[in-house]
């Protein structure tokens, strides 16, 4: 099951429409991080998506990330913001999110990425399409190796 934390009905519907009809039951939507923490504690989740809008209490994000990490199988978290903000992305990565995307820039790829991440197919889903990868996956490997 995939947990979507959002109070934005247009985003929820857009993501829901991106899933095949047979898999709509795999998406559970809650509108508060407190509810998401309780849900993550008692249900087996494959993935969590947090919509970082004004309705979400940002002080609860670390608690949800901790809940996801405390599971026997760590639950990957995808953070979605209205616009890409480098400082916010860095903060989210430091907290431990699996990826951070911009709704305005990556909306068309959001549902397929959520589906791929929840199926454990991140590498296959992102290969050859660096348009919506996290910043870390776009770094030239030659820079890291010093060559």
N, C-alpha and C. Protein backbone atom coordinates (compact mmCIF):
# COMPACT_ATOMS: atom_id res chain seq x y z
N UNK A 1 0.84 -1.17 0.00
CA UNK A 1 0.00 0.00 0.00
C UNK A 1 0.89 1.24 0.00
N UNK A 2 0.43 2.27 -0.68
CA UNK A 2 1.14 3.54 -0.76
C UNK A 2 0.35 4.56 0.04
N UNK A 3 1.03 5.30 0.89
CA UNK A 3 0.39 6.33 1.70
C UNK A 3 0.72 7.69 1.11
N UNK A 4 -0.31 8.46 0.77
CA UNK A 4 -0.15 9.81 0.24
C UNK A 4 -0.64 10.79 1.31
N UNK A 5 0.24 11.71 1.72
CA UNK A 5 -0.11 12.70 2.72
C UNK A 5 -0.28 14.03 1.99
N UNK A 6 -1.53 14.41 1.79
CA UNK A 6 -1.82 15.65 1.07
C UNK A 6 -3.22 16.12 1.38
N UNK A 7 -3.39 17.44 1.43
CA UNK A 7 -4.71 18.02 1.58
C UNK A 7 -5.17 18.65 0.27
N UNK A 8 -4.37 18.49 -0.78
CA UNK A 8 -4.67 19.08 -2.09
C UNK A 8 -5.42 18.05 -2.95
N UNK A 9 -6.72 18.25 -3.10
CA UNK A 9 -7.54 17.28 -3.84
C UNK A 9 -7.13 17.15 -5.30
N UNK A 10 -6.66 18.23 -5.92
CA UNK A 10 -6.25 18.13 -7.33
C UNK A 10 -5.02 17.25 -7.47
N UNK A 11 -4.08 17.33 -6.53
CA UNK A 11 -2.90 16.47 -6.58
C UNK A 11 -3.29 15.02 -6.32
N UNK A 12 -4.16 14.80 -5.36
CA UNK A 12 -4.61 13.44 -5.05
C UNK A 12 -5.26 12.80 -6.27
N UNK A 13 -6.16 13.54 -6.91
CA UNK A 13 -6.84 12.99 -8.10
C UNK A 13 -5.86 12.76 -9.24
N UNK A 14 -4.91 13.67 -9.42
CA UNK A 14 -3.93 13.50 -10.48
C UNK A 14 -3.11 12.23 -10.27
N UNK A 15 -2.67 12.01 -9.05
CA UNK A 15 -1.87 10.81 -8.75
C UNK A 15 -2.73 9.57 -8.89
N UNK A 16 -3.95 9.62 -8.39
CA UNK A 16 -4.86 8.48 -8.50
C UNK A 16 -5.09 8.10 -9.97
N UNK A 17 -5.26 9.10 -10.83
CA UNK A 17 -5.48 8.84 -12.26
C UNK A 17 -4.26 8.22 -12.92
N UNK A 18 -3.07 8.44 -12.36
CA UNK A 18 -1.85 7.88 -12.93
C UNK A 18 -1.65 6.41 -12.63
N UNK A 19 -2.45 5.86 -11.72
CA UNK A 19 -2.35 4.44 -11.39
C UNK A 19 -3.31 3.65 -12.26
N UNK A 20 -2.92 2.44 -12.63
CA UNK A 20 -3.86 1.58 -13.35
C UNK A 20 -5.09 1.34 -12.47
N UNK A 21 -6.29 1.23 -13.07
CA UNK A 21 -7.52 1.05 -12.28
C UNK A 21 -7.45 -0.10 -11.28
N UNK A 22 -6.79 -1.17 -11.63
CA UNK A 22 -6.70 -2.33 -10.74
C UNK A 22 -5.88 -2.03 -9.49
N UNK A 23 -5.08 -0.96 -9.51
CA UNK A 23 -4.20 -0.66 -8.38
C UNK A 23 -4.66 0.55 -7.57
N UNK A 24 -5.83 1.09 -7.84
CA UNK A 24 -6.33 2.25 -7.10
C UNK A 24 -6.47 1.94 -5.61
N UNK A 25 -6.77 0.69 -5.28
CA UNK A 25 -6.93 0.32 -3.87
C UNK A 25 -5.62 0.37 -3.10
N UNK A 26 -4.50 0.44 -3.80
CA UNK A 26 -3.20 0.47 -3.15
C UNK A 26 -2.82 1.86 -2.65
N UNK A 27 -3.61 2.89 -2.95
CA UNK A 27 -3.30 4.26 -2.56
C UNK A 27 -4.22 4.70 -1.42
N UNK A 28 -3.64 4.97 -0.26
CA UNK A 28 -4.38 5.47 0.90
C UNK A 28 -4.00 6.93 1.08
N UNK A 29 -4.99 7.80 1.22
CA UNK A 29 -4.76 9.24 1.33
C UNK A 29 -5.14 9.71 2.73
N UNK A 30 -4.23 10.45 3.36
CA UNK A 30 -4.51 11.12 4.63
C UNK A 30 -4.09 12.58 4.48
N UNK A 31 -4.67 13.47 5.30
CA UNK A 31 -4.36 14.88 5.13
C UNK A 31 -3.56 15.49 6.27
N UNK A 32 -3.06 14.66 7.18
CA UNK A 32 -2.22 15.19 8.25
C UNK A 32 -1.05 14.24 8.51
N UNK A 33 0.06 14.83 8.94
CA UNK A 33 1.23 14.01 9.25
C UNK A 33 1.01 13.19 10.51
N UNK A 34 0.23 13.70 11.44
CA UNK A 34 -0.06 12.93 12.65
C UNK A 34 -0.80 11.64 12.29
N UNK A 35 -1.80 11.77 11.43
CA UNK A 35 -2.53 10.59 10.96
C UNK A 35 -1.61 9.66 10.17
N UNK A 36 -0.72 10.23 9.38
CA UNK A 36 0.23 9.43 8.60
C UNK A 36 1.16 8.64 9.53
N UNK A 37 1.62 9.26 10.61
CA UNK A 37 2.48 8.56 11.57
C UNK A 37 1.76 7.38 12.19
N UNK A 38 0.51 7.58 12.59
CA UNK A 38 -0.27 6.48 13.16
C UNK A 38 -0.48 5.37 12.14
N UNK A 39 -0.79 5.76 10.92
CA UNK A 39 -1.04 4.77 9.86
C UNK A 39 0.23 3.97 9.57
N UNK A 40 1.38 4.67 9.49
CA UNK A 40 2.66 3.99 9.20
C UNK A 40 3.04 3.02 10.31
N UNK A 41 2.65 3.33 11.53
CA UNK A 41 2.98 2.48 12.66
C UNK A 41 2.24 1.14 12.61
N UNK A 42 1.01 1.13 12.07
CA UNK A 42 0.17 -0.06 12.15
C UNK A 42 -0.10 -0.76 10.83
N UNK A 43 0.38 -0.23 9.72
CA UNK A 43 0.11 -0.85 8.42
C UNK A 43 1.40 -1.10 7.66
N UNK A 44 1.37 -2.11 6.83
CA UNK A 44 2.52 -2.38 5.97
C UNK A 44 2.43 -1.47 4.76
N UNK A 45 3.39 -0.58 4.66
CA UNK A 45 3.42 0.37 3.54
C UNK A 45 4.64 0.09 2.67
N UNK A 46 4.45 0.27 1.39
CA UNK A 46 5.58 0.12 0.46
C UNK A 46 6.26 1.46 0.22
N UNK A 47 5.50 2.55 0.38
CA UNK A 47 6.03 3.86 0.06
C UNK A 47 5.16 4.94 0.69
N UNK A 48 5.77 6.08 1.03
CA UNK A 48 5.03 7.23 1.54
C UNK A 48 5.36 8.44 0.67
N UNK A 49 4.33 9.18 0.29
CA UNK A 49 4.50 10.41 -0.47
C UNK A 49 3.98 11.55 0.39
N UNK A 50 4.81 12.57 0.63
CA UNK A 50 4.42 13.73 1.42
C UNK A 50 4.34 14.94 0.49
N UNK A 51 3.19 15.57 0.45
CA UNK A 51 3.03 16.82 -0.30
C UNK A 51 3.34 17.95 0.67
N UNK A 52 4.40 18.66 0.42
CA UNK A 52 4.88 19.70 1.33
C UNK A 52 4.18 21.03 1.05
N UNK A 53 2.89 21.10 1.31
CA UNK A 53 2.18 22.36 1.11
C UNK A 53 1.96 23.04 2.46
N UNK A 54 1.28 24.17 2.46
CA UNK A 54 1.09 24.94 3.69
C UNK A 54 0.24 24.20 4.72
N UNK A 55 -0.54 23.23 4.29
CA UNK A 55 -1.43 22.52 5.22
C UNK A 55 -0.70 21.45 6.03
N UNK A 56 0.49 21.12 5.63
CA UNK A 56 1.24 20.08 6.33
C UNK A 56 2.13 20.72 7.40
N UNK A 57 2.07 20.21 8.59
CA UNK A 57 2.87 20.71 9.70
C UNK A 57 4.31 20.24 9.52
N UNK A 58 5.22 21.14 9.17
CA UNK A 58 6.59 20.75 8.87
C UNK A 58 7.34 20.18 10.07
N UNK A 59 6.94 20.54 11.29
CA UNK A 59 7.63 20.00 12.46
C UNK A 59 7.33 18.51 12.68
N UNK A 60 6.33 17.99 11.98
CA UNK A 60 5.99 16.57 12.09
C UNK A 60 6.72 15.71 11.06
N UNK A 61 7.34 16.32 10.07
CA UNK A 61 8.01 15.54 9.02
C UNK A 61 9.10 14.64 9.59
N UNK A 62 9.99 15.14 10.47
CA UNK A 62 11.01 14.23 11.04
C UNK A 62 10.40 13.03 11.77
N UNK A 63 9.27 13.24 12.45
CA UNK A 63 8.61 12.14 13.16
C UNK A 63 8.14 11.07 12.17
N UNK A 64 7.55 11.48 11.04
CA UNK A 64 7.10 10.51 10.04
C UNK A 64 8.29 9.78 9.43
N UNK A 65 9.36 10.50 9.17
CA UNK A 65 10.55 9.86 8.60
C UNK A 65 11.12 8.85 9.59
N UNK A 66 11.10 9.19 10.88
CA UNK A 66 11.57 8.25 11.90
C UNK A 66 10.67 7.01 11.93
N UNK A 67 9.35 7.20 11.88
CA UNK A 67 8.42 6.07 11.87
C UNK A 67 8.71 5.15 10.67
N UNK A 68 8.97 5.75 9.52
CA UNK A 68 9.25 4.96 8.32
C UNK A 68 10.56 4.20 8.44
N UNK A 69 11.55 4.81 9.08
CA UNK A 69 12.85 4.16 9.24
C UNK A 69 12.83 3.08 10.31
N UNK A 70 11.92 3.18 11.26
CA UNK A 70 11.86 2.23 12.38
C UNK A 70 11.20 0.91 12.02
N UNK A 71 10.63 0.82 10.85
CA UNK A 71 9.97 -0.42 10.40
C UNK A 71 11.01 -1.49 10.09
N UNK A 72 10.64 -2.76 10.18
CA UNK A 72 11.59 -3.83 9.83
C UNK A 72 12.14 -3.66 8.39
N UNK A 73 11.28 -3.20 7.49
CA UNK A 73 11.73 -2.86 6.13
C UNK A 73 11.47 -1.37 5.98
N UNK A 74 12.56 -0.61 5.90
CA UNK A 74 12.44 0.86 5.81
C UNK A 74 11.48 1.26 4.70
N UNK A 75 10.60 2.20 4.98
CA UNK A 75 9.63 2.67 4.00
C UNK A 75 10.21 3.90 3.30
N UNK A 76 10.43 3.84 1.99
CA UNK A 76 10.96 5.03 1.29
C UNK A 76 9.93 6.14 1.27
N UNK A 77 10.43 7.38 1.37
CA UNK A 77 9.55 8.55 1.38
C UNK A 77 9.93 9.46 0.20
N UNK A 78 8.90 9.88 -0.52
CA UNK A 78 9.05 10.83 -1.61
C UNK A 78 8.41 12.14 -1.17
N UNK A 79 9.17 13.23 -1.17
CA UNK A 79 8.64 14.54 -0.81
C UNK A 79 8.36 15.32 -2.09
N UNK A 80 7.18 15.93 -2.15
CA UNK A 80 6.77 16.71 -3.32
C UNK A 80 6.48 18.13 -2.86
N UNK A 81 7.13 19.09 -3.51
CA UNK A 81 6.92 20.49 -3.21
C UNK A 81 6.32 21.18 -4.42
N UNK A 82 5.68 22.32 -4.21
CA UNK A 82 5.09 23.05 -5.33
C UNK A 82 6.16 23.46 -6.34
N UNK A 83 7.25 24.02 -5.86
CA UNK A 83 8.38 24.40 -6.70
C UNK A 83 9.64 23.83 -6.10
N UNK A 84 10.61 23.52 -6.94
CA UNK A 84 11.86 22.98 -6.44
C UNK A 84 12.62 24.07 -5.69
N UNK A 85 12.99 23.78 -4.47
CA UNK A 85 13.77 24.71 -3.65
C UNK A 85 14.99 23.95 -3.15
N UNK A 86 16.16 24.39 -3.58
CA UNK A 86 17.39 23.67 -3.27
C UNK A 86 17.60 23.49 -1.77
N UNK A 87 17.34 24.54 -0.98
CA UNK A 87 17.55 24.45 0.48
C UNK A 87 16.60 23.42 1.10
N UNK A 88 15.36 23.45 0.64
CA UNK A 88 14.37 22.50 1.15
C UNK A 88 14.73 21.08 0.73
N UNK A 89 15.17 20.93 -0.51
CA UNK A 89 15.57 19.60 -0.99
C UNK A 89 16.71 19.06 -0.14
N UNK A 90 17.71 19.89 0.13
CA UNK A 90 18.84 19.46 0.95
C UNK A 90 18.37 19.06 2.35
N UNK A 91 17.47 19.85 2.93
CA UNK A 91 16.94 19.52 4.26
C UNK A 91 16.20 18.18 4.22
N UNK A 92 15.41 17.95 3.19
CA UNK A 92 14.66 16.69 3.07
C UNK A 92 15.61 15.51 2.92
N UNK A 93 16.66 15.67 2.09
CA UNK A 93 17.63 14.58 1.91
C UNK A 93 18.37 14.31 3.21
N UNK A 94 18.70 15.35 3.96
CA UNK A 94 19.37 15.16 5.25
C UNK A 94 18.49 14.42 6.24
N UNK A 95 17.19 14.65 6.15
CA UNK A 95 16.25 13.95 7.02
C UNK A 95 16.09 12.48 6.62
N UNK A 96 16.38 12.18 5.35
CA UNK A 96 16.32 10.79 4.92
C UNK A 96 15.28 10.45 3.88
N UNK A 97 14.71 11.45 3.19
CA UNK A 97 13.75 11.11 2.15
C UNK A 97 14.48 10.45 0.97
N UNK A 98 13.76 9.59 0.26
CA UNK A 98 14.35 8.89 -0.89
C UNK A 98 14.48 9.81 -2.09
N UNK A 99 13.54 10.73 -2.26
CA UNK A 99 13.59 11.65 -3.38
C UNK A 99 12.75 12.88 -3.08
N UNK A 100 13.05 13.96 -3.77
CA UNK A 100 12.36 15.23 -3.61
C UNK A 100 12.06 15.76 -5.00
N UNK A 101 10.80 16.01 -5.29
CA UNK A 101 10.39 16.46 -6.61
C UNK A 101 9.58 17.74 -6.53
N UNK A 102 9.54 18.44 -7.65
CA UNK A 102 8.74 19.64 -7.78
C UNK A 102 7.46 19.31 -8.52
N UNK A 103 6.34 19.69 -7.94
CA UNK A 103 5.06 19.45 -8.59
C UNK A 103 4.97 20.22 -9.91
N UNK A 104 5.45 21.46 -9.91
CA UNK A 104 5.35 22.28 -11.11
C UNK A 104 6.21 21.76 -12.26
N UNK A 105 7.34 21.15 -11.95
CA UNK A 105 8.25 20.67 -12.99
C UNK A 105 8.09 19.20 -13.32
N UNK A 106 7.58 18.40 -12.40
CA UNK A 106 7.57 16.95 -12.58
C UNK A 106 6.19 16.33 -12.49
N UNK A 107 5.14 17.13 -12.61
CA UNK A 107 3.79 16.63 -12.40
C UNK A 107 3.46 15.43 -13.28
N UNK A 108 3.81 15.48 -14.54
CA UNK A 108 3.49 14.39 -15.46
C UNK A 108 4.18 13.08 -15.13
N UNK A 109 5.26 13.15 -14.40
CA UNK A 109 6.03 11.94 -14.08
C UNK A 109 5.82 11.47 -12.64
N UNK A 110 5.02 12.19 -11.91
CA UNK A 110 4.83 11.89 -10.49
C UNK A 110 4.19 10.53 -10.24
N UNK A 111 3.05 10.26 -10.85
CA UNK A 111 2.37 8.99 -10.62
C UNK A 111 3.21 7.80 -11.08
N UNK A 112 3.83 7.82 -12.28
CA UNK A 112 4.67 6.69 -12.67
C UNK A 112 5.86 6.47 -11.73
N UNK A 113 6.45 7.57 -11.22
CA UNK A 113 7.57 7.44 -10.30
C UNK A 113 7.12 6.84 -8.97
N UNK A 114 5.98 7.29 -8.46
CA UNK A 114 5.45 6.73 -7.22
C UNK A 114 5.20 5.24 -7.38
N UNK A 115 4.58 4.89 -8.49
CA UNK A 115 4.31 3.48 -8.76
C UNK A 115 5.61 2.68 -8.84
N UNK A 116 6.60 3.19 -9.54
CA UNK A 116 7.88 2.48 -9.68
C UNK A 116 8.61 2.37 -8.35
N UNK A 117 8.63 3.45 -7.57
CA UNK A 117 9.30 3.41 -6.27
C UNK A 117 8.62 2.42 -5.33
N UNK A 118 7.30 2.38 -5.36
CA UNK A 118 6.60 1.47 -4.46
C UNK A 118 6.78 0.02 -4.87
N UNK A 119 7.07 -0.20 -6.15
CA UNK A 119 7.30 -1.56 -6.62
C UNK A 119 8.76 -1.96 -6.47
N UNK A 120 9.59 -1.05 -5.96
CA UNK A 120 11.01 -1.35 -5.78
C UNK A 120 11.78 -1.34 -7.08
N UNK A 121 11.31 -0.56 -8.06
CA UNK A 121 11.92 -0.54 -9.37
C UNK A 121 12.54 0.81 -9.68
N UNK A 122 13.06 1.51 -8.68
CA UNK A 122 13.55 2.87 -8.87
C UNK A 122 14.60 2.96 -9.97
N UNK A 123 15.59 2.12 -9.95
CA UNK A 123 16.66 2.21 -10.94
C UNK A 123 16.14 2.03 -12.35
N UNK A 124 15.29 1.03 -12.55
CA UNK A 124 14.76 0.78 -13.88
C UNK A 124 13.83 1.90 -14.33
N UNK A 125 13.11 2.48 -13.40
CA UNK A 125 12.16 3.53 -13.76
C UNK A 125 12.87 4.82 -14.14
N UNK A 126 14.02 5.06 -13.55
CA UNK A 126 14.69 6.32 -13.80
C UNK A 126 15.77 6.24 -14.86
N UNK A 127 16.21 5.08 -15.22
CA UNK A 127 17.30 4.98 -16.18
C UNK A 127 16.88 5.57 -17.51
N UNK A 128 17.75 6.38 -18.06
CA UNK A 128 17.49 6.98 -19.35
C UNK A 128 16.56 8.17 -19.31
N UNK A 129 16.12 8.58 -18.14
CA UNK A 129 15.22 9.72 -18.06
C UNK A 129 15.58 10.56 -16.84
N UNK A 130 16.66 11.31 -16.96
CA UNK A 130 17.18 12.08 -15.83
C UNK A 130 16.39 13.35 -15.58
N UNK A 131 15.31 13.59 -16.33
CA UNK A 131 14.52 14.81 -16.14
C UNK A 131 13.95 14.91 -14.74
N UNK A 132 13.64 13.81 -14.11
CA UNK A 132 12.96 13.89 -12.83
C UNK A 132 13.66 13.12 -11.73
N UNK A 133 14.93 12.86 -11.89
CA UNK A 133 15.71 12.21 -10.84
C UNK A 133 16.04 13.21 -9.75
N UNK A 134 16.42 12.70 -8.62
CA UNK A 134 16.88 13.59 -7.57
C UNK A 134 18.19 14.22 -8.00
N UNK A 135 18.59 15.35 -7.39
CA UNK A 135 19.84 15.98 -7.78
C UNK A 135 21.04 15.07 -7.63
N UNK A 136 21.04 14.20 -6.62
CA UNK A 136 22.18 13.32 -6.41
C UNK A 136 22.36 12.33 -7.55
N UNK A 137 21.28 11.89 -8.17
CA UNK A 137 21.41 10.91 -9.24
C UNK A 137 21.81 11.56 -10.56
N UNK A 138 21.81 12.91 -10.61
CA UNK A 138 22.21 13.59 -11.83
C UNK A 138 23.67 14.01 -11.81
N UNK A 139 24.38 13.81 -10.71
CA UNK A 139 25.79 14.21 -10.62
C UNK A 139 26.61 13.32 -11.53
N UNK A 140 27.51 13.94 -12.28
CA UNK A 140 28.40 13.21 -13.16
C UNK A 140 29.33 12.37 -12.29
N UNK A 141 29.37 11.07 -12.56
CA UNK A 141 30.18 10.16 -11.76
C UNK A 141 31.67 10.48 -11.86
N UNK A 142 32.11 11.09 -12.96
CA UNK A 142 33.51 11.49 -13.10
C UNK A 142 33.91 12.53 -12.07
N UNK A 143 32.97 13.39 -11.69
CA UNK A 143 33.24 14.40 -10.67
C UNK A 143 33.53 13.73 -9.33
N UNK A 144 32.76 12.70 -9.02
CA UNK A 144 32.93 12.01 -7.74
C UNK A 144 34.22 11.19 -7.68
N UNK A 145 34.61 10.61 -8.82
CA UNK A 145 35.80 9.76 -8.81
C UNK A 145 37.08 10.55 -9.00
N UNK A 146 36.94 11.84 -9.35
CA UNK A 146 38.12 12.67 -9.52
C UNK A 146 38.76 12.56 -10.88
N UNK A 147 38.13 11.85 -11.83
CA UNK A 147 38.71 11.72 -13.16
C UNK A 147 38.12 12.70 -14.12
